[in-house]
Structure formats: structure tokens, C-alpha cells
């Protein structure tokens, strides 16, 4: 599913700006060729685990990212 987001031109440009082109290029190439399965398989797992959304979830403790904060 993340491959669909990372291939949106604005997101792709942002990740290029962040210096992630080398890691994400195989996914972008597979997506451009129409091979969605290969694109999904090409998302680098070590990169994904360091993604800010994962960090945000882990900093929330046991609370789900979708759970609103308590007062």
C-alpha cells in the first residue's frame, strides 16, 4: 500500500529531496512499468521501519495512532 503513496509525484519529489532516490528508485521503476506487485516488494523494509510515521506510532506507547489522546 505504501508504494501507491510513494509514487505520487509530490511525494516522490519530496523523497528525492530527502536523498532517498537510490533506495526508492527500484520501486518507482517497477511502478512506472505497471508492475504493482514488484513495486510493493521493492519498498525497502529497513527504510520503512525508520519512517517518521512508524516513529510516531512507537512514541505513542501502547496507544494506537488512530486513538485520540485523552484529556
N, C-alpha and C. Protein backbone atom coordinates (compact mmCIF):
# COMPACT_ATOMS: atom_id res chain seq x y z
N UNK A 1 0.82 -1.19 0.00
CA UNK A 1 0.00 0.00 0.00
C UNK A 1 0.87 1.26 0.00
N UNK A 2 1.99 1.26 0.71
CA UNK A 2 2.83 2.45 0.77
C UNK A 2 3.41 2.80 -0.59
N UNK A 3 3.59 1.80 -1.45
CA UNK A 3 4.12 2.06 -2.79
C UNK A 3 3.20 3.00 -3.56
N UNK A 4 1.91 2.87 -3.37
CA UNK A 4 0.96 3.76 -4.03
C UNK A 4 1.12 5.21 -3.62
N UNK A 5 1.47 5.44 -2.38
CA UNK A 5 1.69 6.81 -1.90
C UNK A 5 3.06 7.34 -2.34
N UNK A 6 4.07 6.50 -2.25
CA UNK A 6 5.43 6.95 -2.57
C UNK A 6 5.64 7.23 -4.05
N UNK A 7 4.70 6.80 -4.88
CA UNK A 7 4.82 7.06 -6.32
C UNK A 7 4.06 8.30 -6.77
N UNK A 8 3.29 8.90 -5.89
CA UNK A 8 2.62 10.18 -6.20
C UNK A 8 3.72 11.21 -6.47
N UNK A 9 3.65 11.94 -7.58
CA UNK A 9 4.74 12.84 -7.94
C UNK A 9 5.23 13.77 -6.83
N UNK A 10 4.33 14.34 -6.07
CA UNK A 10 4.77 15.25 -5.00
C UNK A 10 5.53 14.50 -3.91
N UNK A 11 5.04 13.32 -3.53
CA UNK A 11 5.73 12.53 -2.50
C UNK A 11 7.07 12.02 -3.04
N UNK A 12 7.08 11.58 -4.30
CA UNK A 12 8.33 11.10 -4.90
C UNK A 12 9.37 12.22 -4.92
N UNK A 13 8.94 13.42 -5.30
CA UNK A 13 9.87 14.55 -5.33
C UNK A 13 10.40 14.86 -3.93
N UNK A 14 9.53 14.76 -2.94
CA UNK A 14 9.95 15.02 -1.56
C UNK A 14 10.99 14.00 -1.12
N UNK A 15 10.78 12.73 -1.43
CA UNK A 15 11.74 11.70 -1.03
C UNK A 15 13.05 11.81 -1.82
N UNK A 16 12.98 12.29 -3.04
CA UNK A 16 14.22 12.57 -3.78
C UNK A 16 14.98 13.69 -3.08
N UNK A 17 14.26 14.72 -2.67
CA UNK A 17 14.87 15.85 -1.97
C UNK A 17 15.52 15.38 -0.66
N UNK A 18 14.90 14.40 -0.01
CA UNK A 18 15.45 13.86 1.23
C UNK A 18 16.66 12.96 0.99
N UNK A 19 16.95 12.68 -0.27
CA UNK A 19 18.10 11.85 -0.60
C UNK A 19 17.81 10.36 -0.63
N UNK A 20 16.57 9.99 -0.84
CA UNK A 20 16.18 8.58 -0.82
C UNK A 20 16.01 7.98 -2.21
N UNK A 21 16.47 8.69 -3.24
CA UNK A 21 16.26 8.19 -4.60
C UNK A 21 16.89 6.83 -4.83
N UNK A 22 18.09 6.63 -4.35
CA UNK A 22 18.77 5.35 -4.57
C UNK A 22 17.97 4.19 -3.96
N UNK A 23 17.41 4.40 -2.79
CA UNK A 23 16.65 3.35 -2.12
C UNK A 23 15.28 3.11 -2.76
N UNK A 24 14.66 4.17 -3.27
CA UNK A 24 13.29 4.05 -3.76
C UNK A 24 13.18 3.90 -5.28
N UNK A 25 14.26 4.11 -6.00
CA UNK A 25 14.21 4.04 -7.46
C UNK A 25 13.71 2.70 -7.99
N UNK A 26 14.14 1.55 -7.44
CA UNK A 26 13.59 0.29 -7.95
C UNK A 26 12.06 0.22 -7.83
N UNK A 27 11.51 0.75 -6.75
CA UNK A 27 10.06 0.76 -6.59
C UNK A 27 9.41 1.67 -7.63
N UNK A 28 9.99 2.88 -7.81
CA UNK A 28 9.42 3.80 -8.80
C UNK A 28 9.49 3.22 -10.21
N UNK A 29 10.60 2.56 -10.53
CA UNK A 29 10.74 1.96 -11.86
C UNK A 29 9.72 0.85 -12.08
N UNK A 30 9.54 0.00 -11.09
CA UNK A 30 8.57 -1.09 -11.21
C UNK A 30 7.15 -0.53 -11.35
N UNK A 31 6.84 0.50 -10.57
CA UNK A 31 5.51 1.12 -10.64
C UNK A 31 5.28 1.73 -12.03
N UNK A 32 6.28 2.43 -12.53
CA UNK A 32 6.16 3.06 -13.86
C UNK A 32 5.98 2.01 -14.96
N UNK A 33 6.55 0.83 -14.76
CA UNK A 33 6.41 -0.26 -15.73
C UNK A 33 5.07 -0.98 -15.58
N UNK A 34 4.29 -0.61 -14.59
CA UNK A 34 2.98 -1.22 -14.38
C UNK A 34 3.01 -2.46 -13.50
N UNK A 35 4.15 -2.77 -12.92
CA UNK A 35 4.28 -3.97 -12.09
C UNK A 35 4.08 -3.59 -10.62
N UNK A 36 2.83 -3.54 -10.20
CA UNK A 36 2.48 -3.11 -8.84
C UNK A 36 3.01 -4.09 -7.79
N UNK A 37 2.98 -5.38 -8.11
CA UNK A 37 3.46 -6.38 -7.16
C UNK A 37 4.96 -6.20 -6.90
N UNK A 38 5.73 -6.01 -7.97
CA UNK A 38 7.18 -5.80 -7.81
C UNK A 38 7.45 -4.48 -7.10
N UNK A 39 6.64 -3.46 -7.37
CA UNK A 39 6.83 -2.17 -6.70
C UNK A 39 6.63 -2.32 -5.20
N UNK A 40 5.57 -3.03 -4.82
CA UNK A 40 5.31 -3.23 -3.39
C UNK A 40 6.44 -4.03 -2.74
N UNK A 41 6.95 -5.02 -3.46
CA UNK A 41 8.04 -5.84 -2.92
C UNK A 41 9.35 -5.08 -2.87
N UNK A 42 9.47 -4.00 -3.64
CA UNK A 42 10.70 -3.22 -3.71
C UNK A 42 10.82 -2.14 -2.63
N UNK A 43 9.77 -1.93 -1.86
CA UNK A 43 9.86 -0.93 -0.79
C UNK A 43 10.88 -1.44 0.22
N UNK A 44 11.95 -0.69 0.42
CA UNK A 44 13.00 -1.16 1.33
C UNK A 44 12.52 -1.22 2.78
N UNK A 45 12.46 -2.41 3.33
CA UNK A 45 11.96 -2.60 4.69
C UNK A 45 12.75 -1.82 5.73
N UNK A 46 14.09 -1.84 5.70
CA UNK A 46 14.80 -1.05 6.72
C UNK A 46 14.45 0.44 6.65
N UNK A 47 14.27 0.97 5.44
CA UNK A 47 13.88 2.37 5.31
C UNK A 47 12.50 2.59 5.91
N UNK A 48 11.57 1.71 5.60
CA UNK A 48 10.20 1.87 6.05
C UNK A 48 10.12 1.84 7.58
N UNK A 49 10.91 1.01 8.22
CA UNK A 49 10.84 0.92 9.68
C UNK A 49 11.38 2.17 10.36
N UNK A 50 12.18 2.97 9.63
CA UNK A 50 12.69 4.22 10.19
C UNK A 50 11.82 5.41 9.81
N UNK A 51 10.76 5.18 9.08
CA UNK A 51 9.89 6.26 8.61
C UNK A 51 9.27 6.99 9.80
N UNK A 52 9.02 8.27 9.65
CA UNK A 52 8.51 9.08 10.76
C UNK A 52 7.15 8.58 11.25
N UNK A 53 6.34 7.99 10.37
CA UNK A 53 5.03 7.53 10.83
C UNK A 53 5.20 6.35 11.78
N UNK A 54 6.20 5.52 11.57
CA UNK A 54 6.48 4.42 12.49
C UNK A 54 7.00 4.98 13.81
N UNK A 55 7.85 5.97 13.74
CA UNK A 55 8.38 6.59 14.96
C UNK A 55 7.25 7.24 15.76
N UNK A 56 6.31 7.86 15.06
CA UNK A 56 5.19 8.49 15.75
C UNK A 56 4.36 7.45 16.48
N UNK A 57 4.15 6.29 15.84
CA UNK A 57 3.39 5.23 16.48
C UNK A 57 4.13 4.69 17.70
N UNK A 58 5.43 4.50 17.58
CA UNK A 58 6.16 3.93 18.70
C UNK A 58 6.26 4.93 19.86
N UNK A 59 6.29 6.22 19.56
CA UNK A 59 6.37 7.20 20.64
C UNK A 59 5.03 7.36 21.36
N UNK A 60 3.97 6.84 20.75
CA UNK A 60 2.66 6.90 21.39
C UNK A 60 2.50 5.81 22.43
N UNK A 61 3.50 4.98 22.58
CA UNK A 61 3.42 3.89 23.55
C UNK A 61 2.47 2.81 23.05
N UNK A 62 1.62 2.32 23.91
CA UNK A 62 0.71 1.26 23.52
C UNK A 62 -0.53 1.80 22.82
N UNK A 63 -0.68 3.10 22.82
CA UNK A 63 -1.84 3.73 22.21
C UNK A 63 -1.73 3.67 20.69
N UNK A 64 -2.78 3.37 20.02
CA UNK A 64 -2.80 3.32 18.56
C UNK A 64 -2.71 4.74 18.01
N UNK A 65 -2.11 4.88 16.82
CA UNK A 65 -2.00 6.19 16.19
C UNK A 65 -3.38 6.74 15.86
N UNK A 66 -4.37 5.86 15.69
CA UNK A 66 -5.72 6.30 15.36
C UNK A 66 -6.53 6.67 16.60
N UNK A 67 -6.01 6.37 17.77
CA UNK A 67 -6.73 6.67 19.01
C UNK A 67 -6.50 8.12 19.41
N UNK A 68 -7.56 8.88 19.61
CA UNK A 68 -7.37 10.28 20.02
C UNK A 68 -6.77 10.34 21.42
N UNK A 69 -5.96 11.37 21.67
CA UNK A 69 -5.36 11.50 23.00
C UNK A 69 -6.42 11.73 24.07
N UNK A 70 -6.13 11.28 25.25
CA UNK A 70 -7.05 11.50 26.36
C UNK A 70 -6.75 12.83 27.04
N UNK A 71 -7.76 13.40 27.63
CA UNK A 71 -7.59 14.71 28.27
C UNK A 71 -6.94 14.60 29.63
